[in-house]
Amino acid sequence: MSKKKNTQAWAITYADMVTLLLTFFVLLLVILSEAEKQLDLEISRLLDKAQKQIESELDDKNIDVERVGKGVKITIRGKLFRQLSPDISPKYIPKIARIGELIKETDLMKINTSIIPDSADPHFKLLDGLDSRDKELAIEIRCEGHTDDAIIPKDKREKYETNWQLSTDRSLNVVDLMNKYASMPLKYFSALGYGEHRPLISVETIKSKKTRREKDRLREYNRRVEIYLDAFSRDKIQMDEEQLIESLSGKKRKKKEVEPAEKS
């Protein structure tokens, strides 16, 4: 009977230890999750402020600024480009240049993540959170070009066969112009073209309209450029130069060691 009690006592002690370990891991996951949420909250606040900073300086019926997902979206409509050309209309050059300048002036773009976090820094919570979790702040300025569904006439296809190609070059020109006036590093920028393949108003709806005037009005709404200022935290993916060179050298040495073994 005494031996049986001792066996049961051992089992109870073991069960208590397992329970404590499980509780510890659950708490750890909760703490990590809360830290992640805090990072996202700090970045979200910066994006909210960026949206207000940009919108307050752009008073134009053809330009909309809104807060979306992980960023700020700036939509430009109107006769932004010359017909069937990637060239930006002179009227819109100062507007796009101003958008680039406004993005550069946001608090988000002024954060220096390369320094050691200082408690006096207004963005200390964000910088300290990134540093302690071995993460980095990723910022992207992405330009997306969209055309309507009108096919490029055969006699006008000297340079562009499709709207997809045309919209891509248009996006590149917008990026070049923003960078020219804002003087931001090109690493932030990307340009995409979707042609007529991501319409806000479907082709079916447009074709269902009776008059040419109605169809043209809806097609004009689909013709647009969307500029996204996105920001989010991510695991550090870039090694410093010394680490990268050492890593590559290590891979080469391993490869040389393997090759003689394979030959033998």
C-alpha atoms as a PDB file:
ATOM      1  CA  MET A   1       0.000   0.000   0.000  1.00  0.00           C
ATOM      2  CA  SER A   2       2.845   2.384   0.880  1.00  0.00           C
ATOM      3  CA  LYS A   3       4.595   1.666  -2.427  1.00  0.00           C
ATOM      4  CA  LYS A   4       1.386   2.445  -4.326  1.00  0.00           C
ATOM      5  CA  LYS A   5       1.025   5.819  -2.561  1.00  0.00           C
ATOM      6  CA  ASN A   6       4.622   6.724  -3.399  1.00  0.00           C
ATOM      7  CA  THR A   7       4.001   5.887  -7.077  1.00  0.00           C
ATOM      8  CA  GLN A   8       0.897   8.076  -7.140  1.00  0.00           C
ATOM      9  CA  ALA A   9       2.736  10.939  -5.421  1.00  0.00           C
ATOM     10  CA  TRP A  10       5.426  10.855  -8.103  1.00  0.00           C
ATOM     11  CA  ALA A  11       2.761  10.938 -10.859  1.00  0.00           C
ATOM     12  CA  ILE A  12       1.030  13.942  -9.275  1.00  0.00           C
ATOM     13  CA  THR A  13       4.326  15.845  -9.009  1.00  0.00           C
ATOM     14  CA  TYR A  14       5.136  15.105 -12.662  1.00  0.00           C
ATOM     15  CA  ALA A  15       1.664  16.196 -13.764  1.00  0.00           C
ATOM     16  CA  ASP A  16       2.047  19.458 -11.851  1.00  0.00           C
ATOM     17  CA  MET A  17       5.400  20.122 -13.546  1.00  0.00           C
ATOM     18  CA  VAL A  18       3.922  19.486 -17.026  1.00  0.00           C
ATOM     19  CA  THR A  19       1.004  21.795 -16.224  1.00  0.00           C
ATOM     20  CA  LEU A  20       3.389  24.542 -15.125  1.00  0.00           C
ATOM     21  CA  LEU A  21       5.443  24.166 -18.294  1.00  0.00           C
ATOM     22  CA  LEU A  22       2.356  24.356 -20.488  1.00  0.00           C
ATOM     23  CA  THR A  23       1.188  27.437 -18.579  1.00  0.00           C
ATOM     24  CA  PHE A  24       4.613  29.028 -19.061  1.00  0.00           C
ATOM     25  CA  PHE A  25       4.578  28.436 -22.838  1.00  0.00           C
ATOM     26  CA  VAL A  26       1.028  29.760 -23.156  1.00  0.00           C
ATOM     27  CA  LEU A  27       1.992  32.920 -21.272  1.00  0.00           C
ATOM     28  CA  LEU A  28       5.092  33.278 -23.449  1.00  0.00           C
ATOM     29  CA  LEU A  29       2.976  33.059 -26.610  1.00  0.00           C
ATOM     30  CA  VAL A  30       0.555  35.657 -25.223  1.00  0.00           C
ATOM     31  CA  ILE A  31       3.434  38.024 -24.390  1.00  0.00           C
ATOM     32  CA  LEU A  32       4.963  37.599 -27.860  1.00  0.00           C
ATOM     33  CA  SER A  33       1.576  38.141 -29.490  1.00  0.00           C
ATOM     34  CA  GLU A  34       0.997  41.328 -27.487  1.00  0.00           C
ATOM     35  CA  ALA A  35       4.461  42.615 -28.428  1.00  0.00           C
ATOM     36  CA  GLU A  36       3.661  41.962 -32.105  1.00  0.00           C
ATOM     37  CA  LYS A  37       0.344  43.792 -31.772  1.00  0.00           C
ATOM     38  CA  GLN A  38       2.101  46.758 -30.152  1.00  0.00           C
ATOM     39  CA  LEU A  39       4.519  46.975 -33.098  1.00  0.00           C
ATOM     40  CA  ASP A  40       1.642  46.881 -35.578  1.00  0.00           C
ATOM     41  CA  LEU A  41      -0.187  49.552 -33.561  1.00  0.00           C
ATOM     42  CA  GLU A  42       2.808  51.922 -33.612  1.00  0.00           C
ATOM     43  CA  ILE A  43       3.210  51.492 -37.384  1.00  0.00           C
ATOM     44  CA  SER A  44      -0.545  51.939 -37.888  1.00  0.00           C
ATOM     45  CA  ARG A  45      -0.432  55.254 -36.007  1.00  0.00           C
ATOM     46  CA  LEU A  46       2.359  56.486 -38.259  1.00  0.00           C
ATOM     47  CA  LEU A  47       0.358  55.503 -41.359  1.00  0.00           C
ATOM     48  CA  ASP A  48      -2.762  57.242 -40.001  1.00  0.00           C
ATOM     49  CA  LYS A  49      -0.718  60.398 -39.522  1.00  0.00           C
ATOM     50  CA  ALA A  50       0.889  60.076 -42.964  1.00  0.00           C
ATOM     51  CA  GLN A  51      -2.559  59.837 -44.587  1.00  0.00           C
ATOM     52  CA  LYS A  52      -3.670  63.042 -42.840  1.00  0.00           C
ATOM     53  CA  GLN A  53      -0.409  64.844 -43.660  1.00  0.00           C
ATOM     54  CA  ILE A  54      -0.676  64.004 -47.374  1.00  0.00           C
ATOM     55  CA  GLU A  55      -4.427  64.581 -47.717  1.00  0.00           C
ATOM     56  CA  SER A  56      -4.310  68.012 -46.052  1.00  0.00           C
ATOM     57  CA  GLU A  57      -1.835  69.226 -48.695  1.00  0.00           C
ATOM     58  CA  LEU A  58      -3.627  67.827 -51.768  1.00  0.00           C
ATOM     59  CA  ASP A  59      -6.726  69.739 -52.772  1.00  0.00           C
ATOM     60  CA  ASP A  60      -7.600  68.252 -56.142  1.00  0.00           C
ATOM     61  CA  LYS A  61     -10.834  66.606 -57.302  1.00  0.00           C
ATOM     62  CA  ASN A  62      -8.829  64.088 -59.359  1.00  0.00           C
ATOM     63  CA  ILE A  63      -6.711  62.899 -56.412  1.00  0.00           C
ATOM     64  CA  ASP A  64      -8.023  60.751 -53.550  1.00  0.00           C
ATOM     65  CA  VAL A  65      -6.056  59.826 -50.426  1.00  0.00           C
ATOM     66  CA  GLU A  66      -7.284  57.013 -48.215  1.00  0.00           C
ATOM     67  CA  ARG A  67      -6.039  54.701 -45.487  1.00  0.00           C
ATOM     68  CA  VAL A  68      -6.038  51.055 -46.575  1.00  0.00           C
ATOM     69  CA  GLY A  69      -4.732  47.814 -45.061  1.00  0.00           C
ATOM     70  CA  LYS A  70      -1.027  48.247 -44.325  1.00  0.00           C
ATOM     71  CA  GLY A  71      -0.652  51.620 -45.963  1.00  0.00           C
ATOM     72  CA  VAL A  72      -1.936  54.782 -47.610  1.00  0.00           C
ATOM     73  CA  LYS A  73      -3.377  54.769 -51.124  1.00  0.00           C
ATOM     74  CA  ILE A  74      -3.234  57.814 -53.397  1.00  0.00           C
ATOM     75  CA  THR A  75      -5.395  57.497 -56.512  1.00  0.00           C
ATOM     76  CA  ILE A  76      -4.893  59.851 -59.461  1.00  0.00           C
ATOM     77  CA  ARG A  77      -7.468  60.116 -62.248  1.00  0.00           C
ATOM     78  CA  GLY A  78      -8.069  62.426 -65.188  1.00  0.00           C
ATOM     79  CA  LYS A  79      -5.990  62.945 -68.317  1.00  0.00           C
ATOM     80  CA  LEU A  80      -2.786  61.979 -66.572  1.00  0.00           C
ATOM     81  CA  PHE A  81      -0.997  60.771 -69.736  1.00  0.00           C
ATOM     82  CA  ARG A  82      -0.943  61.636 -73.404  1.00  0.00           C
ATOM     83  CA  GLN A  83      -3.131  59.323 -75.466  1.00  0.00           C
ATOM     84  CA  LEU A  84      -1.546  55.875 -76.010  1.00  0.00           C
ATOM     85  CA  SER A  85       1.668  57.226 -74.510  1.00  0.00           C
ATOM     86  CA  PRO A  86       3.559  56.807 -71.221  1.00  0.00           C
ATOM     87  CA  ASP A  87       4.396  60.528 -71.206  1.00  0.00           C
ATOM     88  CA  ILE A  88       2.879  62.420 -68.284  1.00  0.00           C
ATOM     89  CA  SER A  89       0.740  65.418 -69.204  1.00  0.00           C
ATOM     90  CA  PRO A  90       2.467  68.710 -68.282  1.00  0.00           C
ATOM     91  CA  LYS A  91      -0.509  69.642 -66.086  1.00  0.00           C
ATOM     92  CA  TYR A  92       0.145  66.638 -63.817  1.00  0.00           C
ATOM     93  CA  ILE A  93       3.920  66.883 -63.509  1.00  0.00           C
ATOM     94  CA  PRO A  94       3.864  69.330 -60.546  1.00  0.00           C
ATOM     95  CA  LYS A  95       1.098  67.301 -58.870  1.00  0.00           C
ATOM     96  CA  ILE A  96       3.035  64.031 -59.000  1.00  0.00           C
ATOM     97  CA  ALA A  97       6.224  65.828 -57.934  1.00  0.00           C
ATOM     98  CA  ARG A  98       4.320  67.241 -54.940  1.00  0.00           C
ATOM     99  CA  ILE A  99       3.050  63.773 -53.978  1.00  0.00           C
ATOM    100  CA  GLY A 100       6.641  62.527 -53.905  1.00  0.00           C
ATOM    101  CA  GLU A 101       7.692  65.451 -51.717  1.00  0.00           C
ATOM    102  CA  LEU A 102       4.766  64.916 -49.328  1.00  0.00           C
ATOM    103  CA  ILE A 103       5.589  61.233 -48.903  1.00  0.00           C
ATOM    104  CA  LYS A 104       9.180  62.144 -48.089  1.00  0.00           C
ATOM    105  CA  GLU A 105       8.005  64.698 -45.499  1.00  0.00           C
ATOM    106  CA  THR A 106       5.898  62.219 -43.520  1.00  0.00           C
ATOM    107  CA  ASP A 107       7.095  61.192 -40.060  1.00  0.00           C
ATOM    108  CA  LEU A 108       7.229  57.615 -41.304  1.00  0.00           C
ATOM    109  CA  MET A 109       9.964  58.387 -43.840  1.00  0.00           C
ATOM    110  CA  LYS A 110      12.018  60.328 -41.272  1.00  0.00           C
ATOM    111  CA  ILE A 111      12.487  57.392 -38.884  1.00  0.00           C
ATOM    112  CA  ASN A 112      16.101  56.271 -38.621  1.00  0.00           C
ATOM    113  CA  THR A 113      16.149  52.557 -37.788  1.00  0.00           C
ATOM    114  CA  SER A 114      19.934  52.265 -38.115  1.00  0.00           C
ATOM    115  CA  ILE A 115      20.655  53.928 -34.755  1.00  0.00           C
ATOM    116  CA  ILE A 116      20.413  52.494 -31.221  1.00  0.00           C
ATOM    117  CA  PRO A 117      16.965  53.358 -29.789  1.00  0.00           C
ATOM    118  CA  ASP A 118      17.006  56.384 -27.477  1.00  0.00           C
ATOM    119  CA  SER A 119      14.243  56.823 -24.889  1.00  0.00           C
ATOM    120  CA  ALA A 120      14.062  60.521 -25.827  1.00  0.00           C
ATOM    121  CA  ASP A 121      13.112  59.627 -29.424  1.00  0.00           C
ATOM    122  CA  PRO A 122       9.371  60.158 -30.087  1.00  0.00           C
ATOM    123  CA  HIS A 123       9.330  56.786 -31.867  1.00  0.00           C
ATOM    124  CA  PHE A 124      11.208  54.925 -29.120  1.00  0.00           C
ATOM    125  CA  LYS A 125       8.452  52.321 -28.614  1.00  0.00           C
ATOM    126  CA  LEU A 126       8.601  51.335 -32.262  1.00  0.00           C
ATOM    127  CA  LEU A 127      12.407  51.350 -32.529  1.00  0.00           C
ATOM    128  CA  ASP A 128      12.861  49.464 -29.261  1.00  0.00           C
ATOM    129  CA  GLY A 129      10.210  46.922 -30.270  1.00  0.00           C
ATOM    130  CA  LEU A 130      11.897  46.285 -33.605  1.00  0.00           C
ATOM    131  CA  ASP A 131      15.337  46.002 -32.020  1.00  0.00           C
ATOM    132  CA  SER A 132      14.279  43.648 -29.207  1.00  0.00           C
ATOM    133  CA  ARG A 133      12.438  41.339 -31.611  1.00  0.00           C
ATOM    134  CA  ASP A 134      15.203  41.382 -34.256  1.00  0.00           C
ATOM    135  CA  LYS A 135      12.863  42.900 -36.826  1.00  0.00           C
ATOM    136  CA  GLU A 136      13.105  45.743 -39.303  1.00  0.00           C
ATOM    137  CA  LEU A 137      10.714  48.384 -40.564  1.00  0.00           C
ATOM    138  CA  ALA A 138       9.874  47.737 -44.206  1.00  0.00           C
ATOM    139  CA  ILE A 139       8.651  50.711 -46.256  1.00  0.00           C
ATOM    140  CA  GLU A 140       7.483  50.428 -49.858  1.00  0.00           C
ATOM    141  CA  ILE A 141       6.300  53.069 -52.316  1.00  0.00           C
ATOM    142  CA  ARG A 142       4.494  51.164 -55.035  1.00  0.00           C
ATOM    143  CA  CYS A 143       2.969  52.623 -58.178  1.00  0.00           C
ATOM    144  CA  GLU A 144       0.285  50.655 -60.051  1.00  0.00           C
ATOM    145  CA  GLY A 145      -0.973  51.686 -63.479  1.00  0.00           C
ATOM    146  CA  HIS A 146      -4.446  50.839 -64.823  1.00  0.00           C
ATOM    147  CA  THR A 147      -5.962  51.475 -68.242  1.00  0.00           C
ATOM    148  CA  ASP A 148      -9.503  51.019 -69.551  1.00  0.00           C
ATOM    149  CA  ASP A 149     -10.575  48.029 -71.659  1.00  0.00           C
ATOM    150  CA  ALA A 150     -10.260  49.783 -75.019  1.00  0.00           C
ATOM    151  CA  ILE A 151      -7.893  47.729 -77.206  1.00  0.00           C
ATOM    152  CA  ILE A 152      -4.949  49.556 -78.768  1.00  0.00           C
ATOM    153  CA  PRO A 153      -5.735  49.933 -82.517  1.00  0.00           C
ATOM    154  CA  LYS A 154      -3.517  47.849 -84.813  1.00  0.00           C
ATOM    155  CA  ASP A 155      -2.203  50.918 -86.635  1.00  0.00           C
ATOM    156  CA  LYS A 156      -1.117  52.420 -83.265  1.00  0.00           C
ATOM    157  CA  ARG A 157       0.866  49.417 -82.032  1.00  0.00           C
ATOM    158  CA  GLU A 158       4.285  50.743 -83.030  1.00  0.00           C
ATOM    159  CA  LYS A 159       5.586  50.657 -79.455  1.00  0.00           C
ATOM    160  CA  TYR A 160       2.914  48.911 -77.381  1.00  0.00           C
ATOM    161  CA  GLU A 161       1.044  45.763 -78.316  1.00  0.00           C
ATOM    162  CA  THR A 162      -1.086  45.712 -75.165  1.00  0.00           C
ATOM    163  CA  ASN A 163      -2.432  47.962 -72.425  1.00  0.00           C
ATOM    164  CA  TRP A 164      -0.428  45.894 -69.978  1.00  0.00           C
ATOM    165  CA  GLN A 165       2.854  47.097 -71.468  1.00  0.00           C
ATOM    166  CA  LEU A 166       1.582  50.668 -71.701  1.00  0.00           C
ATOM    167  CA  SER A 167       0.413  50.783 -68.072  1.00  0.00           C
ATOM    168  CA  THR A 168       3.766  49.408 -66.864  1.00  0.00           C
ATOM    169  CA  ASP A 169       5.757  52.146 -68.598  1.00  0.00           C
ATOM    170  CA  ARG A 170       3.351  54.748 -67.276  1.00  0.00           C
ATOM    171  CA  SER A 171       3.945  53.523 -63.723  1.00  0.00           C
ATOM    172  CA  LEU A 172       7.708  53.671 -64.248  1.00  0.00           C
ATOM    173  CA  ASN A 173       7.462  57.274 -65.426  1.00  0.00           C
ATOM    174  CA  VAL A 174       5.448  58.225 -62.334  1.00  0.00           C
ATOM    175  CA  VAL A 175       8.044  56.577 -60.094  1.00  0.00           C
ATOM    176  CA  ASP A 176      10.906  58.332 -61.916  1.00  0.00           C
ATOM    177  CA  LEU A 177       9.192  61.693 -61.515  1.00  0.00           C
ATOM    178  CA  MET A 178       8.449  61.225 -57.811  1.00  0.00           C
ATOM    179  CA  ASN A 179      12.011  60.122 -57.151  1.00  0.00           C
ATOM    180  CA  LYS A 180      13.436  63.035 -59.156  1.00  0.00           C
ATOM    181  CA  TYR A 181      11.705  65.643 -57.004  1.00  0.00           C
ATOM    182  CA  ALA A 182      11.691  63.815 -53.662  1.00  0.00           C
ATOM    183  CA  SER A 183      15.258  62.428 -53.926  1.00  0.00           C
ATOM    184  CA  MET A 184      14.446  59.285 -51.977  1.00  0.00           C
ATOM    185  CA  PRO A 185      16.484  56.081 -52.338  1.00  0.00           C
ATOM    186  CA  LEU A 186      15.248  53.928 -55.223  1.00  0.00           C
ATOM    187  CA  LYS A 187      15.140  50.888 -52.922  1.00  0.00           C
ATOM    188  CA  TYR A 188      11.746  52.103 -51.673  1.00  0.00           C
ATOM    189  CA  PHE A 189      10.124  52.187 -55.120  1.00  0.00           C
ATOM    190  CA  SER A 190       8.440  49.627 -57.322  1.00  0.00           C
ATOM    191  CA  ALA A 191       6.271  49.972 -60.425  1.00  0.00           C
ATOM    192  CA  LEU A 192       3.572  47.651 -61.751  1.00  0.00           C
ATOM    193  CA  GLY A 193       1.154  47.722 -64.660  1.00  0.00           C
ATOM    194  CA  TYR A 194      -2.136  45.849 -64.772  1.00  0.00           C
ATOM    195  CA  GLY A 195      -3.569  47.165 -68.019  1.00  0.00           C
ATOM    196  CA  GLU A 196      -7.328  46.646 -68.112  1.00  0.00           C
ATOM    197  CA  HIS A 197      -7.231  43.527 -65.931  1.00  0.00           C
ATOM    198  CA  ARG A 198      -8.139  45.077 -62.552  1.00  0.00           C
ATOM    199  CA  PRO A 199     -11.047  47.412 -63.290  1.00  0.00           C
ATOM    200  CA  LEU A 200     -13.078  49.089 -60.574  1.00  0.00           C
ATOM    201  CA  ILE A 201     -16.117  48.876 -62.844  1.00  0.00           C
ATOM    202  CA  SER A 202     -16.387  45.602 -64.745  1.00  0.00           C
ATOM    203  CA  VAL A 203     -16.205  45.419 -68.534  1.00  0.00           C
ATOM    204  CA  GLU A 204     -19.603  43.686 -68.544  1.00  0.00           C
ATOM    205  CA  THR A 205     -21.189  46.639 -66.741  1.00  0.00           C
ATOM    206  CA  ILE A 206     -19.593  49.104 -69.146  1.00  0.00           C
ATOM    207  CA  LYS A 207     -20.759  47.170 -72.201  1.00  0.00           C
ATOM    208  CA  SER A 208     -24.299  47.013 -70.835  1.00  0.00           C
ATOM    209  CA  LYS A 209     -24.660  50.798 -71.008  1.00  0.00           C
ATOM    210  CA  LYS A 210     -26.651  52.078 -73.961  1.00  0.00           C
ATOM    211  CA  THR A 211     -24.888  55.297 -74.864  1.00  0.00           C
ATOM    212  CA  ARG A 212     -21.265  55.946 -75.820  1.00  0.00           C
ATOM    213  CA  ARG A 213     -21.198  58.793 -73.320  1.00  0.00           C
ATOM    214  CA  GLU A 214     -22.059  56.499 -70.407  1.00  0.00           C
ATOM    215  CA  LYS A 215     -19.454  53.947 -71.469  1.00  0.00           C
ATOM    216  CA  ASP A 216     -16.729  56.579 -71.799  1.00  0.00           C
ATOM    217  CA  ARG A 217     -17.546  57.990 -68.366  1.00  0.00           C
ATOM    218  CA  LEU A 218     -17.134  54.581 -66.707  1.00  0.00           C
ATOM    219  CA  ARG A 219     -13.989  53.781 -68.694  1.00  0.00           C
ATOM    220  CA  GLU A 220     -12.500  57.067 -67.533  1.00  0.00           C
ATOM    221  CA  TYR A 221     -13.061  55.974 -63.923  1.00  0.00           C
ATOM    222  CA  ASN A 222     -11.075  52.777 -64.550  1.00  0.00           C
ATOM    223  CA  ARG A 223      -8.135  54.729 -66.003  1.00  0.00           C
ATOM    224  CA  ARG A 224      -6.031  55.581 -62.974  1.00  0.00           C
ATOM    225  CA  VAL A 225      -2.690  55.401 -61.200  1.00  0.00           C
ATOM    226  CA  GLU A 226      -2.570  54.163 -57.616  1.00  0.00           C
ATOM    227  CA  ILE A 227       0.390  55.049 -55.413  1.00  0.00           C
ATOM    228  CA  TYR A 228       0.766  53.020 -52.223  1.00  0.00           C
ATOM    229  CA  LEU A 229       2.846  53.986 -49.209  1.00  0.00           C
ATOM    230  CA  ASP A 230       3.081  50.701 -47.270  1.00  0.00           C
ATOM    231  CA  ALA A 231       4.823  50.015 -43.964  1.00  0.00           C
ATOM    232  CA  PHE A 232       5.104  46.858 -41.856  1.00  0.00           C
ATOM    233  CA  SER A 233       7.523  44.979 -39.608  1.00  0.00           C
ATOM    234  CA  ARG A 234       9.328  41.883 -40.825  1.00  0.00           C
ATOM    235  CA  ASP A 235      12.135  39.588 -39.739  1.00  0.00           C
ATOM    236  CA  LYS A 236      15.549  40.952 -40.640  1.00  0.00           C
ATOM    237  CA  ILE A 237      16.484  39.442 -43.972  1.00  0.00           C
ATOM    238  CA  GLN A 238      19.554  41.446 -44.896  1.00  0.00           C
ATOM    239  CA  MET A 239      22.920  40.491 -43.447  1.00  0.00           C
ATOM    240  CA  ASP A 240      25.625  43.109 -43.178  1.00  0.00           C
ATOM    241  CA  GLU A 241      28.304  42.899 -45.864  1.00  0.00           C
ATOM    242  CA  GLU A 242      30.865  41.050 -43.721  1.00  0.00           C
ATOM    243  CA  GLN A 243      28.337  38.378 -42.682  1.00  0.00           C
ATOM    244  CA  LEU A 244      27.170  37.960 -46.272  1.00  0.00           C
ATOM    245  CA  ILE A 245      30.711  37.569 -47.656  1.00  0.00           C
ATOM    246  CA  GLU A 246      31.590  35.115 -44.875  1.00  0.00           C
ATOM    247  CA  SER A 247      28.424  33.133 -45.573  1.00  0.00           C
ATOM    248  CA  LEU A 248      29.187  32.948 -49.298  1.00  0.00           C
ATOM    249  CA  SER A 249      32.788  31.923 -48.617  1.00  0.00           C
ATOM    250  CA  GLY A 250      31.556  29.181 -46.300  1.00  0.00           C
ATOM    251  CA  LYS A 251      29.238  27.831 -48.991  1.00  0.00           C
ATOM    252  CA  LYS A 252      32.089  27.761 -51.537  1.00  0.00           C
ATOM    253  CA  ARG A 253      34.339  25.856 -49.123  1.00  0.00           C
ATOM    254  CA  LYS A 254      31.630  23.277 -48.473  1.00  0.00           C
ATOM    255  CA  LYS A 255      31.078  22.845 -52.203  1.00  0.00           C
ATOM    256  CA  LYS A 256      34.807  22.206 -52.803  1.00  0.00           C
ATOM    257  CA  GLU A 257      34.849  19.637 -50.002  1.00  0.00           C
ATOM    258  CA  VAL A 258      31.870  17.799 -51.465  1.00  0.00           C
ATOM    259  CA  GLU A 259      33.156  17.688 -55.075  1.00  0.00           C
ATOM    260  CA  PRO A 260      36.233  15.425 -54.441  1.00  0.00           C
ATOM    261  CA  ALA A 261      34.073  13.065 -52.394  1.00  0.00           C
ATOM    262  CA  GLU A 262      31.591  12.772 -55.278  1.00  0.00           C
ATOM    263  CA  LYS A 263      34.414  12.041 -57.787  1.00  0.00           C
ATOM    264  CA  SER A 264      35.843   9.284 -55.600  1.00  0.00           C
END
